[in-house]
Amino acid sequence: MTFSYRVKDATSGKHLVAMGNATNTVWNFCNEISERSARRSPKWATKKQLRDLTKGASKELGLPSQVIQEIIDEFIDKRKKVGRPKLRWRVSRGARRSLGWIPFTNQDVEIIGSIALFRGRKIRLWKHREIQGRFKSGNFSQDARGRWYCNIVCEVERQTTNRTHIVGIDLNHKVAAKCSDGPELPQARFYRDLEDKLAEAQRRGRKRQAQTIHAKIANRRKDGLHKFSRAVVNRAGAVFVGNISSTWQIASGAGKATVDVSWSMLRNFLDYKCDHAGVAFAEVNEAYTTQTCSRCHARSGPQGREGLALRQWVCSECGSVHDRDQNAALNIARLGCETLGLKGPGSLGL
């Protein structure tokens, strides 16, 4: 679990900016060495080689040696993940500058009240909640408005639950998310509501105002998704969600609406919250879930583009009346139960 706290004073922010620039220097040095080594031989520069080459740089850069090692470790992990020796350069200035980032371990930072002691330097935080679990690692990160945050990763004991309630969730545009047991997340208008103000700020060249509006949109979106996902996890013993493709929806011309609902973020929130709460979670193939009757399983629902406008329909086989979105959510819950070998509760009609 990650606890994020905003850095309080501007003075600490200035020190963090300097250390962030030093972090970029270490990253870019590793990037250059890795690229050169790949040119000379099939073997890329190893973690040990990069650590040996950066020995003694701590004093010159103003970074603790442990932080430099953490930067190298992160570089090696990212390089391995993408499968190429050269990654993106981290730029400290200009229009394409990289947002500040300084990794640390539990040996580098000590949290005392609302103060983070970073190798003896006091950094005051807006501590809105207490830290839980065992402090493992973390980082200082910067957002687009230049604000710094202290992110602390803790190992929290996994909970268990004996709840048997199963929730299927259908993701769509008309309603951002519809649950099989009734509750729904209304259509997302986080971007649409502020689109005119954002366009005006951009036309007038008000960069700072535009950044503030973007941050407000992002915060509203995260707040809504956090509240919805928390409510679902708190009442469920198992959660299943459709695997709708955001990429396909964007390609089909629904770009703004798809980005605004942010299905990937919602699935991510549900995934880690279910994992922490001991709730089963899975993504299921949602193909034909809107066309299939959740009672008799006959594929008798509206089909094609013409059928998208029909929000309610009657099954021609058993005569059941269905709300399009809730019917799909019920089918997703049933498919999820089949995937994990669970028995669906009778309250869902499974």
Protein backbone atom coordinates (compact mmCIF):
# COMPACT_ATOMS: atom_id res chain seq x y z
CA MET A 1 0.00 0.00 0.00
CA THR A 2 1.25 3.49 -0.86
CA PHE A 3 0.66 6.54 1.34
CA SER A 4 1.08 9.88 -0.43
CA TYR A 5 1.64 13.17 1.42
CA ARG A 6 2.14 16.60 -0.10
CA VAL A 7 5.33 18.46 0.84
CA LYS A 8 4.39 21.53 2.86
CA ASP A 9 6.95 24.32 2.40
CA ALA A 10 8.54 25.88 -0.67
CA THR A 11 12.06 25.72 0.83
CA SER A 12 11.95 21.92 0.90
CA GLY A 13 10.64 22.03 -2.65
CA LYS A 14 13.74 23.92 -3.81
CA HIS A 15 16.04 21.33 -2.24
CA LEU A 16 14.01 18.54 -3.82
CA VAL A 17 14.26 20.21 -7.24
CA ALA A 18 18.06 20.24 -6.92
CA MET A 19 18.12 16.58 -5.92
CA GLY A 20 15.67 15.77 -8.72
CA ASN A 21 18.09 17.31 -11.22
CA ALA A 22 20.89 15.21 -9.73
CA THR A 23 18.67 12.14 -10.08
CA ASN A 24 18.26 12.95 -13.78
CA THR A 25 22.05 13.20 -14.11
CA VAL A 26 22.53 9.70 -12.66
CA TRP A 27 19.76 8.29 -14.84
CA ASN A 28 21.13 9.83 -18.03
CA PHE A 29 24.66 8.65 -17.17
CA CYS A 30 23.38 5.08 -16.81
CA ASN A 31 21.45 5.47 -20.05
CA GLU A 32 24.53 6.60 -21.95
CA ILE A 33 26.77 3.85 -20.54
CA SER A 34 24.15 1.23 -21.29
CA GLU A 35 23.80 2.43 -24.88
CA ARG A 36 27.59 2.45 -25.43
CA SER A 37 28.00 -1.04 -23.98
CA ALA A 38 25.26 -2.35 -26.29
CA ARG A 39 27.12 -0.96 -29.31
CA ARG A 40 30.35 -2.76 -28.41
CA SER A 41 28.95 -6.15 -27.43
CA PRO A 42 25.71 -8.08 -27.00
CA LYS A 43 26.05 -7.77 -23.22
CA TRP A 44 24.65 -4.59 -21.72
CA ALA A 45 26.21 -2.82 -18.74
CA THR A 46 25.28 -4.71 -15.57
CA LYS A 47 24.02 -3.35 -12.27
CA LYS A 48 27.39 -3.96 -10.61
CA GLN A 49 29.26 -2.13 -13.38
CA LEU A 50 26.97 0.90 -13.14
CA ARG A 51 27.36 0.97 -9.36
CA ASP A 52 31.15 0.81 -9.68
CA LEU A 53 31.14 3.67 -12.21
CA THR A 54 29.05 5.90 -9.92
CA LYS A 55 31.13 5.33 -6.78
CA GLY A 56 32.21 8.61 -5.23
CA ALA A 57 29.53 10.64 -7.04
CA SER A 58 27.41 11.06 -3.91
CA LYS A 59 29.26 14.11 -2.59
CA GLU A 60 29.46 15.83 -5.98
CA LEU A 61 25.78 15.36 -6.75
CA GLY A 62 24.42 15.94 -3.25
CA LEU A 63 22.63 12.60 -3.27
CA PRO A 64 22.99 9.81 -0.70
CA SER A 65 24.81 6.79 -2.13
CA GLN A 66 21.81 4.60 -1.31
CA VAL A 67 19.59 6.84 -3.47
CA ILE A 68 22.04 6.52 -6.38
CA GLN A 69 21.86 2.74 -6.04
CA GLU A 70 18.05 2.93 -6.06
CA ILE A 71 18.16 4.97 -9.30
CA ILE A 72 20.39 2.35 -10.90
CA ASP A 73 18.11 -0.47 -9.73
CA GLU A 74 15.08 1.29 -11.19
CA PHE A 75 16.94 1.90 -14.47
CA ILE A 76 17.88 -1.78 -14.74
CA ASP A 77 14.29 -2.87 -14.02
CA LYS A 78 12.84 -0.51 -16.64
CA ARG A 79 15.48 -1.54 -19.19
CA LYS A 80 14.67 -5.20 -18.66
CA LYS A 81 10.94 -4.54 -18.94
CA VAL A 82 11.13 -2.74 -22.30
CA GLY A 83 13.88 -5.00 -23.64
CA ARG A 84 16.22 -2.36 -25.00
CA PRO A 85 19.48 -0.84 -23.66
CA LYS A 86 18.50 2.81 -24.08
CA LEU A 87 15.54 4.46 -22.36
CA ARG A 88 14.18 8.00 -22.55
CA TRP A 89 16.43 10.76 -21.31
CA ARG A 90 15.29 12.58 -18.19
CA VAL A 91 15.25 16.30 -19.02
CA SER A 92 15.48 18.86 -16.20
CA ARG A 93 14.40 21.95 -18.15
CA GLY A 94 12.36 22.97 -21.16
CA ALA A 95 8.91 22.20 -22.49
CA ARG A 96 9.50 18.45 -22.35
CA ARG A 97 11.07 18.34 -18.92
CA SER A 98 10.67 15.23 -16.83
CA LEU A 99 8.73 15.58 -13.60
CA GLY A 100 10.94 15.39 -10.53
CA TRP A 101 11.54 11.98 -8.98
CA ILE A 102 13.83 10.89 -6.12
CA PRO A 103 13.66 7.25 -4.92
CA PHE A 104 14.64 6.22 -1.39
CA THR A 105 14.60 3.23 0.96
CA ASN A 106 13.52 2.94 4.60
CA GLN A 107 17.18 3.56 5.54
CA ASP A 108 17.15 7.02 3.95
CA VAL A 109 13.92 8.45 5.36
CA GLU A 110 12.45 8.48 8.85
CA ILE A 111 8.91 9.72 9.49
CA ILE A 112 8.50 11.61 12.78
CA GLY A 113 5.03 13.05 13.14
CA SER A 114 4.46 15.25 10.08
CA ILE A 115 8.18 15.55 9.31
CA ALA A 116 10.17 13.34 6.93
CA LEU A 117 13.85 13.23 7.86
CA PHE A 118 15.67 12.65 4.55
CA ARG A 119 19.28 11.95 5.54
CA GLY A 120 19.03 14.58 8.29
CA ARG A 121 17.13 17.18 6.21
CA LYS A 122 13.68 18.04 7.58
CA ILE A 123 10.86 17.99 5.04
CA ARG A 124 7.47 18.98 6.38
CA LEU A 125 4.42 17.14 5.09
CA TRP A 126 0.66 17.61 5.04
CA LYS A 127 0.06 14.36 6.91
CA HIS A 128 -3.67 13.70 6.53
CA ARG A 129 -3.57 10.07 7.69
CA GLU A 130 -1.33 7.79 9.71
CA ILE A 131 1.03 5.31 8.07
CA GLN A 132 0.07 1.65 8.44
CA GLY A 133 2.18 -1.46 8.05
CA ARG A 134 5.94 -1.86 7.61
CA PHE A 135 7.76 0.96 5.83
CA LYS A 136 9.69 -0.55 2.89
CA SER A 137 10.61 2.14 0.34
CA GLY A 138 9.25 5.18 -1.44
CA ASN A 139 10.03 8.29 -3.44
CA PHE A 140 9.55 12.02 -3.72
CA SER A 141 7.65 12.90 -6.87
CA GLN A 142 6.61 16.14 -8.56
CA ASP A 143 3.37 16.89 -10.37
CA ALA A 144 2.84 19.11 -13.42
CA ARG A 145 2.28 22.18 -11.21
CA GLY A 146 5.64 21.75 -9.48
CA ARG A 147 4.21 20.42 -6.21
CA TRP A 148 6.17 17.72 -4.45
CA TYR A 149 4.77 14.62 -2.76
CA CYS A 150 6.29 12.04 -0.44
CA ASN A 151 5.09 8.56 -1.44
CA ILE A 152 5.71 5.81 1.12
CA VAL A 153 5.30 2.15 0.18
CA CYS A 154 4.32 -0.03 3.14
CA GLU A 155 3.79 -3.74 3.51
CA VAL A 156 0.34 -4.17 5.03
CA GLU A 157 -0.99 -7.48 6.28
CA ARG A 158 -3.52 -8.90 3.84
CA GLN A 159 -7.02 -9.03 5.28
CA THR A 160 -9.53 -11.84 4.93
CA THR A 161 -13.28 -11.70 4.44
CA ASN A 162 -16.12 -14.19 4.71
CA ARG A 163 -18.53 -12.14 2.60
CA THR A 164 -20.25 -14.10 -0.17
CA HIS A 165 -21.84 -11.22 -2.07
CA ILE A 166 -20.73 -11.18 -5.72
CA VAL A 167 -20.62 -8.00 -7.80
CA GLY A 168 -20.28 -7.85 -11.57
CA ILE A 169 -19.45 -4.47 -13.15
CA ASP A 170 -20.28 -3.42 -16.71
CA LEU A 171 -18.20 -0.52 -18.07
CA ASN A 172 -19.69 1.74 -20.75
CA HIS A 173 -20.23 5.34 -21.79
CA LYS A 174 -23.87 5.94 -20.91
CA VAL A 175 -23.12 4.98 -17.31
CA ALA A 176 -19.42 4.84 -16.47
CA ALA A 177 -19.89 1.66 -14.40
CA LYS A 178 -23.02 -0.32 -13.56
CA CYS A 179 -23.05 -2.93 -10.77
CA SER A 180 -25.04 -6.14 -10.94
CA ASP A 181 -26.60 -5.34 -7.55
CA GLY A 182 -27.85 -1.91 -8.61
CA PRO A 183 -25.43 0.94 -7.73
CA GLU A 184 -23.80 2.80 -10.60
CA LEU A 185 -21.12 5.39 -11.32
CA PRO A 186 -22.77 8.23 -13.30
CA GLN A 187 -21.53 9.21 -16.74
CA ALA A 188 -18.11 10.80 -16.41
CA ARG A 189 -18.02 14.51 -17.25
CA PHE A 190 -14.84 15.46 -15.43
CA TYR A 191 -13.24 16.80 -18.61
CA ARG A 192 -16.39 17.94 -20.40
CA ASP A 193 -17.49 20.19 -17.54
CA LEU A 194 -14.22 22.16 -17.62
CA GLU A 195 -13.45 21.85 -21.33
CA ASP A 196 -14.52 25.42 -22.18
CA LYS A 197 -12.45 26.96 -19.36
CA LEU A 198 -9.45 24.87 -20.35
CA ALA A 199 -9.74 25.87 -24.01
CA GLU A 200 -9.96 29.56 -23.07
CA ALA A 201 -6.88 29.33 -20.82
CA GLN A 202 -4.92 27.61 -23.59
CA ARG A 203 -5.96 30.18 -26.21
CA ARG A 204 -4.88 33.03 -23.96
CA GLY A 205 -1.55 31.36 -23.22
CA ARG A 206 -2.26 31.00 -19.50
CA LYS A 207 -0.08 27.98 -18.93
CA ARG A 208 -0.34 27.95 -15.15
CA GLN A 209 -4.13 28.21 -15.23
CA ALA A 210 -4.32 25.40 -17.79
CA GLN A 211 -2.15 23.19 -15.55
CA THR A 212 -4.43 23.94 -12.59
CA ILE A 213 -7.53 22.97 -14.59
CA HIS A 214 -5.88 19.74 -15.76
CA ALA A 215 -5.00 18.93 -12.15
CA LYS A 216 -8.56 19.66 -11.03
CA ILE A 217 -9.94 17.32 -13.70
CA ALA A 218 -7.54 14.56 -12.67
CA ASN A 219 -8.30 15.01 -8.96
CA ARG A 220 -12.06 14.91 -9.51
CA ARG A 221 -11.73 11.78 -11.62
CA LYS A 222 -9.55 9.98 -9.06
CA ASP A 223 -11.85 11.04 -6.20
CA GLY A 224 -14.94 9.67 -7.94
CA LEU A 225 -13.26 6.38 -8.90
CA HIS A 226 -11.78 5.95 -5.40
CA LYS A 227 -15.16 6.42 -3.71
CA PHE A 228 -16.96 4.09 -6.12
CA SER A 229 -14.32 1.32 -5.94
CA ARG A 230 -14.13 1.54 -2.14
CA ALA A 231 -17.92 1.17 -1.82
CA VAL A 232 -17.86 -1.90 -4.10
CA VAL A 233 -15.00 -3.61 -2.24
CA ASN A 234 -16.55 -2.91 1.18
CA ARG A 235 -19.72 -4.88 0.36
CA ALA A 236 -18.38 -7.64 -1.91
CA GLY A 237 -16.75 -11.03 -1.45
CA ALA A 238 -15.87 -11.22 -5.14
CA VAL A 239 -15.72 -8.54 -7.85
CA PHE A 240 -15.70 -9.17 -11.61
CA VAL A 241 -15.32 -6.51 -14.29
CA GLY A 242 -15.53 -6.58 -18.07
CA ASN A 243 -12.33 -6.35 -20.12
CA ILE A 244 -13.54 -3.59 -22.43
CA SER A 245 -10.68 -2.19 -24.53
CA SER A 246 -10.00 1.53 -24.16
CA THR A 247 -7.70 1.45 -27.21
CA TRP A 248 -10.46 0.06 -29.41
CA GLN A 249 -12.98 2.61 -28.13
CA ILE A 250 -10.59 5.49 -28.81
CA ALA A 251 -9.90 4.18 -32.32
CA SER A 252 -13.65 4.00 -32.99
CA GLY A 253 -14.01 7.76 -32.41
CA ALA A 254 -15.01 7.95 -28.74
CA GLY A 255 -11.66 9.33 -27.58
CA LYS A 256 -12.70 12.09 -25.17
CA ALA A 257 -15.46 10.04 -23.55
CA THR A 258 -13.17 7.01 -23.14
CA VAL A 259 -10.34 8.98 -21.57
CA ASP A 260 -12.80 10.71 -19.23
CA VAL A 261 -14.26 7.47 -17.81
CA SER A 262 -10.74 6.03 -17.32
CA TRP A 263 -11.69 2.35 -17.16
CA SER A 264 -8.08 1.27 -16.70
CA MET A 265 -7.74 3.40 -13.56
CA LEU A 266 -10.97 1.99 -12.14
CA ARG A 267 -9.86 -1.60 -12.80
CA ASN A 268 -6.51 -0.84 -11.18
CA PHE A 269 -8.20 0.62 -8.07
CA LEU A 270 -10.50 -2.38 -7.79
CA ASP A 271 -7.60 -4.81 -8.26
CA TYR A 272 -5.35 -3.52 -5.46
CA LYS A 273 -8.21 -2.75 -3.06
CA CYS A 274 -9.64 -6.25 -3.51
CA ASP A 275 -6.19 -7.74 -2.99
CA HIS A 276 -5.73 -5.83 0.28
CA ALA A 277 -9.24 -6.65 1.52
CA GLY A 278 -9.03 -10.36 0.69
CA VAL A 279 -11.75 -10.04 -1.97
CA ALA A 280 -11.57 -12.15 -5.15
CA PHE A 281 -11.11 -10.08 -8.32
CA ALA A 282 -10.94 -10.98 -12.01
CA GLU A 283 -11.42 -9.45 -15.44
CA VAL A 284 -13.70 -11.48 -17.73
CA ASN A 285 -14.37 -11.47 -21.44
CA GLU A 286 -17.44 -9.30 -21.86
CA ALA A 287 -18.23 -10.44 -25.42
CA TYR A 288 -22.03 -10.74 -25.99
CA THR A 289 -22.85 -9.90 -22.35
CA THR A 290 -25.25 -7.13 -23.46
CA GLN A 291 -27.01 -9.46 -25.93
CA THR A 292 -27.34 -12.50 -23.66
CA CYS A 293 -30.31 -12.86 -21.32
CA SER A 294 -29.03 -13.15 -17.75
CA ARG A 295 -31.89 -15.55 -16.85
CA CYS A 296 -32.16 -18.07 -19.69
CA HIS A 297 -28.77 -17.27 -21.32
CA ALA A 298 -30.34 -16.97 -24.78
CA ARG A 299 -28.65 -14.47 -27.10
CA SER A 300 -31.82 -12.53 -27.82
CA GLY A 301 -30.80 -8.95 -27.02
CA PRO A 302 -30.30 -5.96 -29.34
CA GLN A 303 -27.38 -6.32 -31.75
CA GLY A 304 -25.29 -4.08 -33.99
CA ARG A 305 -24.94 -0.31 -33.98
CA GLU A 306 -28.69 0.11 -34.36
CA GLY A 307 -29.23 -1.69 -31.06
CA LEU A 308 -26.94 0.60 -29.04
CA ALA A 309 -29.75 3.11 -28.50
CA LEU A 310 -31.98 0.47 -26.84
CA ARG A 311 -31.41 0.66 -23.10
CA GLN A 312 -34.17 -1.81 -22.18
CA TRP A 313 -35.27 -4.96 -23.97
CA VAL A 314 -37.42 -8.06 -23.53
CA CYS A 315 -36.00 -11.56 -23.97
CA SER A 316 -37.85 -13.35 -26.79
CA GLU A 317 -37.23 -16.74 -25.14
CA CYS A 318 -38.28 -16.28 -21.49
CA GLY A 319 -39.98 -12.86 -21.56
CA SER A 320 -37.67 -11.26 -18.96
CA VAL A 321 -37.41 -7.47 -19.06
CA HIS A 322 -33.81 -6.26 -18.85
CA ASP A 323 -32.00 -3.02 -18.25
CA ARG A 324 -29.18 -3.23 -20.81
CA ASP A 325 -26.32 -2.30 -18.46
CA GLN A 326 -27.47 -4.26 -15.41
CA ASN A 327 -28.12 -7.34 -17.56
CA ALA A 328 -24.54 -7.13 -18.84
CA ALA A 329 -23.26 -6.75 -15.26
CA LEU A 330 -25.22 -9.85 -14.20
CA ASN A 331 -23.69 -11.83 -17.07
CA ILE A 332 -20.20 -10.60 -16.12
CA ALA A 333 -20.81 -11.76 -12.53
CA ARG A 334 -21.91 -15.19 -13.81
CA LEU A 335 -18.88 -15.51 -16.10
CA GLY A 336 -16.59 -14.47 -13.26
CA CYS A 337 -18.06 -17.16 -11.01
CA GLU A 338 -17.51 -19.73 -13.74
CA THR A 339 -13.91 -18.57 -14.18
CA LEU A 340 -13.07 -18.96 -10.48
CA GLY A 341 -15.35 -21.94 -9.89
CA LEU A 342 -17.65 -20.05 -7.53
CA LYS A 343 -21.38 -20.43 -7.05
CA GLY A 344 -23.35 -17.29 -7.83
CA PRO A 345 -25.79 -16.18 -5.12
CA GLY A 346 -29.45 -16.56 -5.88
CA SER A 347 -30.02 -12.82 -5.32
CA LEU A 348 -28.27 -12.20 -8.62
CA GLY A 349 -30.39 -14.69 -10.50
CA LEU A 350 -27.32 -16.75 -11.47
